[in-house]
N, C-alpha and C. Protein backbone atom coordinates (compact mmCIF):
# COMPACT_ATOMS: atom_id res chain seq x y z
N UNK A 1 22.55 6.72 31.84
CA UNK A 1 22.73 5.22 31.72
C UNK A 1 22.12 4.81 33.08
N UNK A 2 21.15 4.04 33.11
CA UNK A 2 20.71 3.35 34.48
C UNK A 2 21.36 2.10 34.80
N UNK A 3 21.57 1.83 36.04
CA UNK A 3 22.18 0.42 36.22
C UNK A 3 21.04 -0.61 36.41
N UNK A 4 21.23 -1.54 35.73
CA UNK A 4 20.26 -2.69 35.87
C UNK A 4 20.69 -3.95 36.86
N UNK A 5 19.69 -4.31 37.59
CA UNK A 5 19.89 -5.45 38.66
C UNK A 5 20.47 -6.77 37.94
N UNK A 6 21.58 -7.37 38.55
CA UNK A 6 22.03 -8.77 37.90
C UNK A 6 20.80 -9.62 37.49
N UNK A 7 20.60 -10.31 36.45
CA UNK A 7 19.75 -11.28 36.14
C UNK A 7 20.20 -12.50 37.05
N UNK A 8 19.26 -13.16 37.76
CA UNK A 8 19.60 -14.66 38.14
C UNK A 8 19.95 -15.45 37.18
N UNK A 9 20.80 -16.35 37.07
CA UNK A 9 21.09 -17.43 36.25
C UNK A 9 19.87 -18.33 36.18
N UNK A 10 19.77 -19.42 35.12
CA UNK A 10 18.65 -19.92 35.07
C UNK A 10 18.29 -20.82 36.17
N UNK A 11 19.43 -21.47 36.82
CA UNK A 11 19.27 -22.70 37.61
C UNK A 11 18.92 -21.97 38.99
N UNK A 12 19.20 -20.99 39.58
CA UNK A 12 18.87 -20.46 40.73
C UNK A 12 17.45 -19.83 40.73
N UNK A 13 17.13 -19.32 39.32
CA UNK A 13 15.59 -18.89 39.31
C UNK A 13 14.76 -19.80 39.48
N UNK A 14 15.15 -21.20 39.23
CA UNK A 14 14.06 -22.34 39.48
C UNK A 14 14.28 -22.89 40.79
N UNK A 15 15.13 -22.54 41.53
CA UNK A 15 15.58 -23.20 43.09
C UNK A 15 14.31 -22.90 43.89
N UNK A 16 13.99 -23.83 44.76
CA UNK A 16 13.07 -23.49 45.64
C UNK A 16 13.03 -22.28 46.76
N UNK A 17 12.24 -21.91 47.08
CA UNK A 17 12.48 -20.66 47.82
C UNK A 17 12.19 -21.02 49.27
N UNK A 18 12.50 -20.04 50.42
CA UNK A 18 12.45 -20.58 51.78
C UNK A 18 11.14 -20.68 52.03
N UNK A 19 10.31 -19.81 51.86
CA UNK A 19 8.91 -19.70 52.26
C UNK A 19 7.85 -21.17 52.04
N UNK A 20 8.28 -21.65 50.98
CA UNK A 20 7.49 -23.17 50.94
C UNK A 20 7.62 -23.91 51.83
N UNK A 21 8.91 -24.34 51.88
CA UNK A 21 9.32 -25.49 53.15
C UNK A 21 8.99 -24.94 54.37
N UNK A 22 8.88 -23.65 54.64
CA UNK A 22 8.64 -23.15 56.13
C UNK A 22 7.38 -23.43 56.41
N UNK A 23 6.26 -23.11 55.41
CA UNK A 23 5.03 -23.36 55.63
C UNK A 23 4.79 -24.81 55.66
N UNK A 24 5.45 -25.65 54.87
CA UNK A 24 5.07 -27.13 54.85
C UNK A 24 5.63 -27.73 56.33
N UNK A 25 6.67 -27.31 56.96
CA UNK A 25 7.13 -27.83 57.95
C UNK A 25 6.37 -27.29 59.25
N UNK A 26 6.06 -25.95 59.39
CA UNK A 26 5.18 -25.38 60.30
C UNK A 26 3.70 -26.14 60.41
N UNK A 27 3.37 -26.50 59.19
CA UNK A 27 1.89 -27.24 59.15
C UNK A 27 2.16 -28.57 59.89
N UNK A 28 3.23 -29.30 59.57
CA UNK A 28 3.57 -30.58 59.87
C UNK A 28 3.56 -30.62 61.37
N UNK A 29 4.43 -29.59 61.76
CA UNK A 29 4.88 -29.64 63.29
C UNK A 29 3.46 -28.91 64.15
N UNK A 30 2.68 -28.28 63.51
CA UNK A 30 1.35 -27.89 64.29
C UNK A 30 0.53 -29.05 64.18
N UNK A 31 0.33 -29.98 63.19
CA UNK A 31 -0.44 -31.09 63.31
C UNK A 31 0.06 -32.10 64.46
N UNK A 32 1.34 -32.08 64.47
CA UNK A 32 2.03 -33.11 65.54
C UNK A 32 1.80 -32.65 66.88
N UNK A 33 1.98 -31.25 67.03
CA UNK A 33 1.55 -30.33 68.48
C UNK A 33 0.06 -30.83 68.60
N UNK A 34 -0.71 -30.85 67.78
CA UNK A 34 -2.41 -31.11 68.09
C UNK A 34 -2.57 -32.33 68.48
N UNK A 35 -1.95 -33.33 67.56
CA UNK A 35 -1.82 -34.67 68.02
C UNK A 35 -1.54 -35.07 69.51
N UNK A 36 -0.36 -34.29 69.68
CA UNK A 36 0.04 -34.69 71.21
C UNK A 36 -0.98 -34.12 72.31
N UNK A 37 -1.39 -32.82 71.89
CA UNK A 37 -2.28 -32.28 72.99
C UNK A 37 -3.85 -33.21 73.05
N UNK A 38 -4.05 -33.59 72.14
CA UNK A 38 -5.38 -34.58 71.91
C UNK A 38 -5.25 -35.77 72.49
N UNK A 39 -3.94 -36.28 72.17
CA UNK A 39 -3.70 -37.75 72.87
C UNK A 39 -3.45 -37.57 74.54
N UNK A 40 -2.69 -36.22 74.81
CA UNK A 40 -2.70 -35.95 76.34
C UNK A 40 -3.94 -35.94 76.99
N UNK A 41 -4.97 -35.21 76.37
CA UNK A 41 -6.25 -34.93 76.99
C UNK A 41 -6.79 -36.46 77.17
N UNK A 42 -6.62 -37.19 76.10
CA UNK A 42 -7.23 -38.41 76.25
C UNK A 42 -6.90 -39.24 77.61
N UNK A 43 -5.62 -39.14 77.83
CA UNK A 43 -4.98 -40.08 78.92
C UNK A 43 -4.87 -39.34 80.14
N UNK A 44 -5.42 -37.87 79.99
CA UNK A 44 -5.29 -37.16 81.36
C UNK A 44 -4.21 -36.22 81.57
N UNK A 45 -4.45 -35.02 81.73
CA UNK A 45 -3.44 -33.92 82.21
C UNK A 45 -3.65 -33.37 83.52
N UNK A 46 -4.38 -33.92 84.34
CA UNK A 46 -4.37 -33.42 85.50
C UNK A 46 -3.43 -34.32 86.76
N UNK A 47 -3.52 -33.72 88.02
CA UNK A 47 -2.76 -34.49 88.96
C UNK A 47 -3.90 -35.78 89.75
N UNK A 48 -3.19 -36.84 89.66
CA UNK A 48 -3.85 -38.02 90.62
C UNK A 48 -2.95 -38.05 91.69
N UNK A 49 -3.61 -38.89 92.66
CA UNK A 49 -3.22 -39.17 94.00
C UNK A 49 -1.57 -39.12 94.24
N UNK A 50 -0.89 -39.82 93.17
CA UNK A 50 0.55 -39.94 93.26
C UNK A 50 1.38 -39.15 92.37
N UNK A 51 0.72 -38.22 91.67
CA UNK A 51 1.23 -37.12 91.25
C UNK A 51 0.72 -36.83 89.62
N UNK A 52 1.71 -36.23 88.79
CA UNK A 52 0.82 -35.84 87.52
C UNK A 52 0.45 -37.21 86.73
N UNK A 53 -0.70 -36.82 86.02
CA UNK A 53 -1.13 -38.03 85.07
C UNK A 53 -0.03 -38.24 83.88
N UNK A 54 -0.32 -39.25 83.17
CA UNK A 54 0.52 -39.51 82.21
C UNK A 54 0.74 -38.39 81.13
N UNK A 55 -0.39 -37.60 80.96
CA UNK A 55 -0.41 -36.65 79.79
C UNK A 55 -0.14 -35.30 80.22
N UNK A 56 0.19 -35.12 81.39
CA UNK A 56 0.41 -33.65 82.05
C UNK A 56 1.66 -32.94 81.21
N UNK A 57 2.77 -33.52 81.12
CA UNK A 57 4.01 -32.93 80.71
C UNK A 57 3.85 -33.02 79.18
N UNK A 58 3.47 -34.12 78.52
CA UNK A 58 3.43 -34.18 77.07
C UNK A 58 2.35 -33.03 76.48
N UNK A 59 1.14 -32.67 77.36
CA UNK A 59 0.33 -31.66 77.08
C UNK A 59 0.97 -30.39 76.93
N UNK A 60 1.87 -30.03 77.65
CA UNK A 60 2.25 -28.69 77.48
C UNK A 60 3.63 -28.74 76.61
N UNK A 61 4.20 -29.68 76.36
CA UNK A 61 5.21 -29.81 75.07
C UNK A 61 4.42 -29.57 73.92
N UNK A 62 2.92 -30.24 73.70
CA UNK A 62 2.41 -30.01 72.65
C UNK A 62 1.95 -28.74 72.50
N UNK A 63 1.39 -28.23 73.44
CA UNK A 63 1.23 -26.76 73.44
C UNK A 63 2.26 -25.73 73.01
N UNK A 64 3.33 -25.92 73.72
CA UNK A 64 4.63 -25.26 73.01
C UNK A 64 4.75 -25.24 71.54
N UNK A 65 4.78 -26.57 71.25
CA UNK A 65 4.90 -26.90 69.77
C UNK A 65 3.88 -25.98 68.94
N UNK A 66 2.65 -26.33 69.38
CA UNK A 66 1.55 -25.62 68.57
C UNK A 66 1.93 -24.25 68.51
N UNK A 67 2.10 -23.61 69.67
CA UNK A 67 2.36 -22.25 69.63
C UNK A 67 3.62 -21.96 68.84
N UNK A 68 4.73 -22.39 68.99
CA UNK A 68 5.90 -22.15 67.99
C UNK A 68 5.64 -22.38 66.67
N UNK A 69 5.04 -23.50 66.38
CA UNK A 69 4.67 -23.72 65.00
C UNK A 69 3.77 -22.77 64.13
N UNK A 70 2.72 -22.39 65.10
CA UNK A 70 1.74 -21.29 64.72
C UNK A 70 2.59 -19.89 64.39
N UNK A 71 3.41 -19.47 65.25
CA UNK A 71 4.19 -18.40 65.28
C UNK A 71 4.79 -18.23 64.01
N UNK A 72 5.64 -19.57 63.68
CA UNK A 72 6.37 -19.58 62.46
C UNK A 72 5.61 -19.43 61.06
N UNK A 73 4.31 -20.08 61.17
CA UNK A 73 3.27 -20.22 60.16
C UNK A 73 2.74 -18.81 59.99
N UNK A 74 2.44 -18.11 60.86
CA UNK A 74 1.90 -16.73 60.64
C UNK A 74 3.03 -15.51 60.11
N UNK A 75 4.22 -15.69 60.80
CA UNK A 75 5.14 -15.12 60.38
C UNK A 75 5.65 -15.13 58.86
N UNK A 76 5.74 -16.48 58.40
CA UNK A 76 6.06 -16.75 57.01
C UNK A 76 4.97 -16.16 55.96
N UNK A 77 3.66 -16.48 56.51
CA UNK A 77 2.56 -15.77 55.72
C UNK A 77 2.62 -14.54 55.73
N UNK A 78 3.16 -13.58 56.71
CA UNK A 78 2.97 -12.28 56.82
C UNK A 78 3.96 -11.65 56.07
N UNK A 79 5.10 -12.34 55.92
CA UNK A 79 6.33 -11.67 55.29
C UNK A 79 6.56 -12.74 54.02
N UNK A 80 5.45 -13.05 53.30
CA UNK A 80 5.46 -13.96 52.23
C UNK A 80 6.26 -13.42 51.12
N UNK A 81 6.11 -12.14 50.68
CA UNK A 81 6.77 -11.58 49.52
C UNK A 81 8.48 -11.52 49.79
N UNK A 82 8.55 -11.11 50.93
CA UNK A 82 9.91 -10.75 51.20
C UNK A 82 11.02 -12.14 51.37
N UNK A 83 10.01 -13.23 51.62
CA UNK A 83 10.96 -14.32 51.70
C UNK A 83 11.15 -15.12 50.51
N UNK A 84 12.21 -14.56 49.57
CA UNK A 84 12.52 -15.24 48.35
C UNK A 84 13.68 -15.69 48.24
N UNK A 85 14.66 -15.86 49.32
CA UNK A 85 15.80 -16.25 49.12
C UNK A 85 15.72 -17.76 48.92
N UNK A 86 16.71 -18.35 48.55
CA UNK A 86 16.95 -19.73 48.00
C UNK A 86 16.83 -20.88 49.31
N UNK A 87 16.01 -21.77 49.16
CA UNK A 87 16.15 -22.48 50.29
C UNK A 87 17.34 -23.50 50.32
N UNK A 88 17.32 -24.20 48.73
CA UNK A 88 18.46 -25.03 48.77
C UNK A 88 18.74 -25.05 47.13
N UNK A 89 19.95 -25.10 46.77
CA UNK A 89 20.28 -25.15 45.48
C UNK A 89 20.00 -26.59 44.82
N UNK A 90 19.72 -26.93 43.60
CA UNK A 90 19.35 -28.17 43.18
C UNK A 90 20.44 -29.15 43.38
N UNK A 91 21.76 -28.70 43.34
CA UNK A 91 22.68 -29.72 43.60
C UNK A 91 22.67 -30.16 45.26
N UNK A 92 22.16 -29.13 45.89
CA UNK A 92 22.03 -29.70 47.21
C UNK A 92 21.05 -30.66 47.58
N UNK A 93 19.93 -30.36 46.87
CA UNK A 93 18.69 -31.25 46.90
C UNK A 93 19.19 -32.57 46.13
N UNK A 94 19.73 -32.64 45.39
CA UNK A 94 20.25 -34.05 44.50
C UNK A 94 20.92 -34.49 45.65
N UNK A 95 21.79 -33.92 46.45
CA UNK A 95 22.70 -34.91 47.52
C UNK A 95 21.92 -35.21 48.69
N UNK A 96 20.81 -34.47 49.11
CA UNK A 96 20.13 -34.84 50.14
C UNK A 96 19.14 -36.35 49.41
N UNK A 97 18.73 -36.14 48.23
CA UNK A 97 17.80 -37.37 47.70
C UNK A 97 18.78 -38.41 47.48
N UNK A 98 20.03 -38.40 47.32
CA UNK A 98 21.17 -39.47 47.23
C UNK A 98 21.04 -40.21 48.49
N UNK A 99 20.76 -39.42 49.60
CA UNK A 99 20.78 -40.10 50.84
C UNK A 99 19.45 -40.61 51.23
N UNK A 100 18.43 -40.09 51.00
CA UNK A 100 16.86 -39.97 51.33
C UNK A 100 16.24 -41.36 50.53
N UNK A 101 16.47 -41.49 49.39
CA UNK A 101 15.80 -42.51 48.57
C UNK A 101 16.37 -44.00 48.99
N UNK A 102 17.74 -44.04 49.14
CA UNK A 102 18.14 -45.41 49.88
C UNK A 102 17.69 -45.58 51.07
N UNK A 103 17.66 -44.65 52.06
CA UNK A 103 17.07 -44.83 53.29
C UNK A 103 15.62 -45.34 53.36
N UNK A 104 14.82 -44.77 52.64
CA UNK A 104 13.48 -44.72 52.38
C UNK A 104 13.43 -46.31 51.93
N UNK A 105 13.84 -46.85 50.80
CA UNK A 105 14.08 -48.12 50.41
C UNK A 105 14.67 -49.16 51.50
N UNK A 106 15.49 -48.74 52.22
CA UNK A 106 15.89 -49.60 53.49
C UNK A 106 14.75 -49.76 54.47
N UNK A 107 14.11 -48.66 54.70
CA UNK A 107 13.09 -48.91 55.91
C UNK A 107 11.95 -49.69 55.19
N UNK A 108 11.41 -49.52 53.92
CA UNK A 108 10.52 -50.18 53.58
C UNK A 108 10.96 -51.86 53.38
N UNK A 109 12.27 -51.93 53.15
CA UNK A 109 12.37 -53.50 52.85
C UNK A 109 12.58 -54.05 54.47
N UNK A 110 12.80 -53.30 55.34
CA UNK A 110 12.92 -54.10 56.95
C UNK A 110 11.50 -54.68 56.91
N UNK A 111 10.58 -54.08 56.75
CA UNK A 111 9.22 -54.67 57.13
C UNK A 111 8.83 -56.31 56.51
N UNK A 112 9.51 -56.59 55.33
CA UNK A 112 9.34 -57.93 54.97
C UNK A 112 10.62 -58.73 54.81
N UNK A 113 11.81 -58.02 55.14
CA UNK A 113 12.97 -58.83 54.75
C UNK A 113 13.81 -58.84 56.09
N UNK A 114 13.50 -58.23 57.09
CA UNK A 114 14.04 -58.08 58.56
C UNK A 114 15.08 -56.99 58.48
N UNK A 115 15.97 -56.98 59.57
CA UNK A 115 16.96 -56.14 59.49
C UNK A 115 18.28 -56.45 59.01
N UNK A 116 18.56 -57.61 58.89
CA UNK A 116 19.87 -58.00 58.76
C UNK A 116 20.10 -58.01 57.19
N UNK A 117 19.57 -58.43 56.24
CA UNK A 117 19.84 -58.32 54.86
C UNK A 117 19.90 -57.05 54.20
N UNK A 118 18.78 -56.39 54.72
CA UNK A 118 18.64 -54.89 54.09
C UNK A 118 20.08 -53.88 54.94
N UNK A 119 20.23 -54.36 55.87
CA UNK A 119 21.56 -53.38 56.44
C UNK A 119 22.77 -53.75 55.79
N UNK A 120 22.72 -55.04 55.47
CA UNK A 120 24.19 -55.45 54.74
C UNK A 120 23.95 -54.77 53.20
N UNK A 121 22.88 -54.73 52.59
CA UNK A 121 22.87 -54.22 51.47
C UNK A 121 22.97 -52.51 51.44
N UNK A 122 22.63 -52.06 52.48
CA UNK A 122 22.39 -50.48 52.60
C UNK A 122 24.10 -50.27 52.87
N UNK A 123 24.49 -50.99 53.83
CA UNK A 123 25.96 -50.42 54.06
C UNK A 123 27.03 -50.78 52.76
N UNK A 124 26.66 -51.71 52.23
CA UNK A 124 27.62 -52.06 50.75
C UNK A 124 27.08 -50.89 49.88
N UNK A 125 25.94 -50.45 49.55
CA UNK A 125 25.58 -49.45 48.69
C UNK A 125 26.30 -48.14 49.11
N UNK A 126 26.28 -47.62 50.30
CA UNK A 126 26.78 -46.58 50.70
C UNK A 126 28.36 -46.60 50.51
N UNK A 127 29.00 -47.63 51.02
CA UNK A 127 30.39 -47.71 51.07
C UNK A 127 30.74 -47.63 49.45
N UNK A 128 30.11 -48.12 48.57
CA UNK A 128 30.52 -48.12 46.94
C UNK A 128 30.18 -47.01 46.33
N UNK A 129 29.15 -46.61 46.64
CA UNK A 129 28.41 -45.58 45.84
C UNK A 129 29.07 -44.29 46.47
N UNK A 130 29.24 -43.91 47.60
CA UNK A 130 29.54 -42.84 48.21
C UNK A 130 31.02 -42.66 48.88
N UNK A 131 31.27 -43.94 49.22
CA UNK A 131 32.65 -44.08 50.05
C UNK A 131 33.77 -44.26 48.65
N UNK A 132 33.33 -44.78 47.74
CA UNK A 132 34.11 -45.55 46.83
C UNK A 132 35.38 -46.29 47.30
N UNK A 133 34.63 -47.35 48.29
CA UNK A 133 35.77 -48.45 48.68
C UNK A 133 35.73 -49.53 47.74
N UNK A 134 36.79 -50.37 47.88
CA UNK A 134 36.66 -51.51 46.80
C UNK A 134 35.74 -52.45 47.49
N UNK A 135 35.79 -53.55 46.50
CA UNK A 135 34.74 -54.70 46.68
C UNK A 135 35.26 -55.50 47.86
N UNK A 136 36.47 -55.82 48.25
CA UNK A 136 36.83 -56.71 49.35
C UNK A 136 36.46 -55.67 50.55
N UNK A 137 36.81 -54.74 50.82
CA UNK A 137 36.54 -53.77 52.03
C UNK A 137 35.01 -53.68 52.28
N UNK A 138 34.41 -53.39 51.02
CA UNK A 138 33.02 -53.33 51.22
C UNK A 138 32.12 -54.42 51.37
N UNK A 139 32.34 -55.57 51.07
CA UNK A 139 32.01 -57.02 51.18
C UNK A 139 32.26 -57.45 52.77
N UNK A 140 33.45 -57.11 53.15
CA UNK A 140 33.68 -57.49 54.66
C UNK A 140 33.06 -56.65 55.39
N UNK A 141 33.13 -55.31 55.45
CA UNK A 141 32.35 -54.57 56.25
C UNK A 141 30.92 -54.67 56.46
N UNK A 142 30.20 -54.69 55.14
CA UNK A 142 28.75 -54.89 55.13
C UNK A 142 28.18 -56.24 55.52
N UNK A 143 29.12 -57.05 55.37
CA UNK A 143 28.52 -58.45 55.95
C UNK A 143 29.03 -58.74 57.48
N UNK A 144 29.89 -58.07 57.86
CA UNK A 144 30.59 -58.14 59.46
C UNK A 144 29.50 -57.38 60.21
N UNK A 145 29.17 -56.18 59.79
CA UNK A 145 28.34 -55.47 60.92
C UNK A 145 27.04 -56.12 60.96
N UNK A 146 26.23 -56.48 60.28
CA UNK A 146 24.88 -57.22 60.73
C UNK A 146 25.35 -58.51 61.43
N UNK A 147 26.32 -59.18 61.35
CA UNK A 147 26.58 -60.28 62.06
C UNK A 147 27.19 -60.13 63.36
N UNK A 148 27.61 -58.78 63.70
CA UNK A 148 28.01 -58.42 64.89
C UNK A 148 26.73 -58.04 65.79
N UNK A 149 26.10 -57.44 64.94
CA UNK A 149 24.45 -56.87 65.48
C UNK A 149 23.76 -58.02 65.93
N UNK A 150 24.00 -58.88 65.07
CA UNK A 150 23.16 -60.33 65.62
C UNK A 150 23.64 -60.91 66.98
N UNK A 151 25.05 -61.06 66.96
CA UNK A 151 25.45 -61.56 68.19
C UNK A 151 25.23 -60.90 69.29
N UNK A 152 25.61 -59.42 69.22
CA UNK A 152 25.42 -58.57 70.42
C UNK A 152 23.78 -58.39 70.87
N UNK A 153 23.09 -58.35 69.82
CA UNK A 153 21.56 -58.09 70.45
C UNK A 153 20.90 -59.60 70.41
N UNK A 154 21.04 -60.41 69.74
CA UNK A 154 20.38 -61.77 69.84
C UNK A 154 20.84 -62.69 70.71
N UNK A 155 22.03 -62.64 70.80
CA UNK A 155 22.92 -63.86 71.69
C UNK A 155 23.40 -63.19 72.98
N UNK A 156 23.79 -61.97 73.13
CA UNK A 156 24.36 -61.54 74.30
C UNK A 156 23.20 -60.69 74.92
N UNK A 157 22.56 -59.51 74.51
CA UNK A 157 21.51 -58.92 75.23
C UNK A 157 20.00 -59.67 75.13
N UNK A 158 20.00 -60.86 74.26
CA UNK A 158 18.80 -61.59 74.21
C UNK A 158 17.55 -60.70 73.81
N UNK A 159 17.82 -59.73 72.85
CA UNK A 159 16.95 -58.70 72.32
C UNK A 159 16.58 -59.32 70.69
N UNK A 160 15.53 -59.87 70.62
CA UNK A 160 15.25 -60.08 69.21
C UNK A 160 15.05 -59.08 68.31
N UNK A 161 15.90 -59.13 67.18
CA UNK A 161 15.64 -58.10 66.20
C UNK A 161 14.72 -58.46 64.90
N UNK A 162 14.13 -57.81 64.32
CA UNK A 162 13.28 -58.13 63.02
C UNK A 162 14.11 -59.01 62.08
N UNK A 163 13.25 -60.42 61.75
CA UNK A 163 13.94 -61.18 60.94
C UNK A 163 13.31 -61.60 59.74
N UNK A 164 13.85 -61.87 58.67
CA UNK A 164 13.19 -62.11 57.33
C UNK A 164 13.22 -63.65 56.95
N UNK A 165 12.85 -63.76 55.71
CA UNK A 165 12.82 -65.15 55.18
C UNK A 165 14.39 -65.63 55.35
N UNK A 166 15.27 -65.22 55.04
CA UNK A 166 16.68 -65.78 55.15
C UNK A 166 17.05 -66.27 56.45
N UNK A 167 16.60 -65.22 57.38
CA UNK A 167 17.15 -65.81 58.74
C UNK A 167 16.16 -66.98 59.37
N UNK A 168 14.99 -67.11 58.89
CA UNK A 168 14.12 -68.00 59.01
C UNK A 168 14.42 -69.31 58.39
N UNK A 169 14.89 -69.17 57.28
CA UNK A 169 15.42 -70.24 56.63
C UNK A 169 16.47 -71.06 57.19
N UNK A 170 17.38 -70.13 57.96
CA UNK A 170 18.73 -70.46 58.48
C UNK A 170 18.38 -70.90 59.88
N UNK A 171 17.18 -70.75 60.38
CA UNK A 171 16.73 -71.25 61.95
C UNK A 171 17.54 -70.19 62.98
N UNK A 172 17.60 -68.96 62.42
CA UNK A 172 18.27 -67.97 63.71
C UNK A 172 17.05 -67.15 64.18
């Protein structure tokens, strides 16, 4: 009688493998490194009379980023077949998405609603959904934090933060 390898359960067979995310991240970092190098060349990487030009240090950081991401990319492609371990289980991806989707919505709404209202909504959402706090605590914290930030940044430090229609309506 021969021993059979254990069969993977249906969920883990469909989980994403490590190699795909490694290739995607390596390409993204390589593109970022190329962008840094090209822009550093644009502003100058040599020495001026008063020291290094503004692109000198970013150029070498960009080169290091290109070299390391290229090495990861080549290594991943070279060992493609052996890199079949699971990157993340579906439940872990769902947890990440539960944070990523609201944060993405928050960032998009900042563009047209300012920072205060979306911040109050995001804090309230996370407190209720993930913290399981009651309505009273959620409302008090999610409304108090933006007010405190307004007072500290706008009034104390005199640093204007992005405002939306509500703040304009209130004359803030």
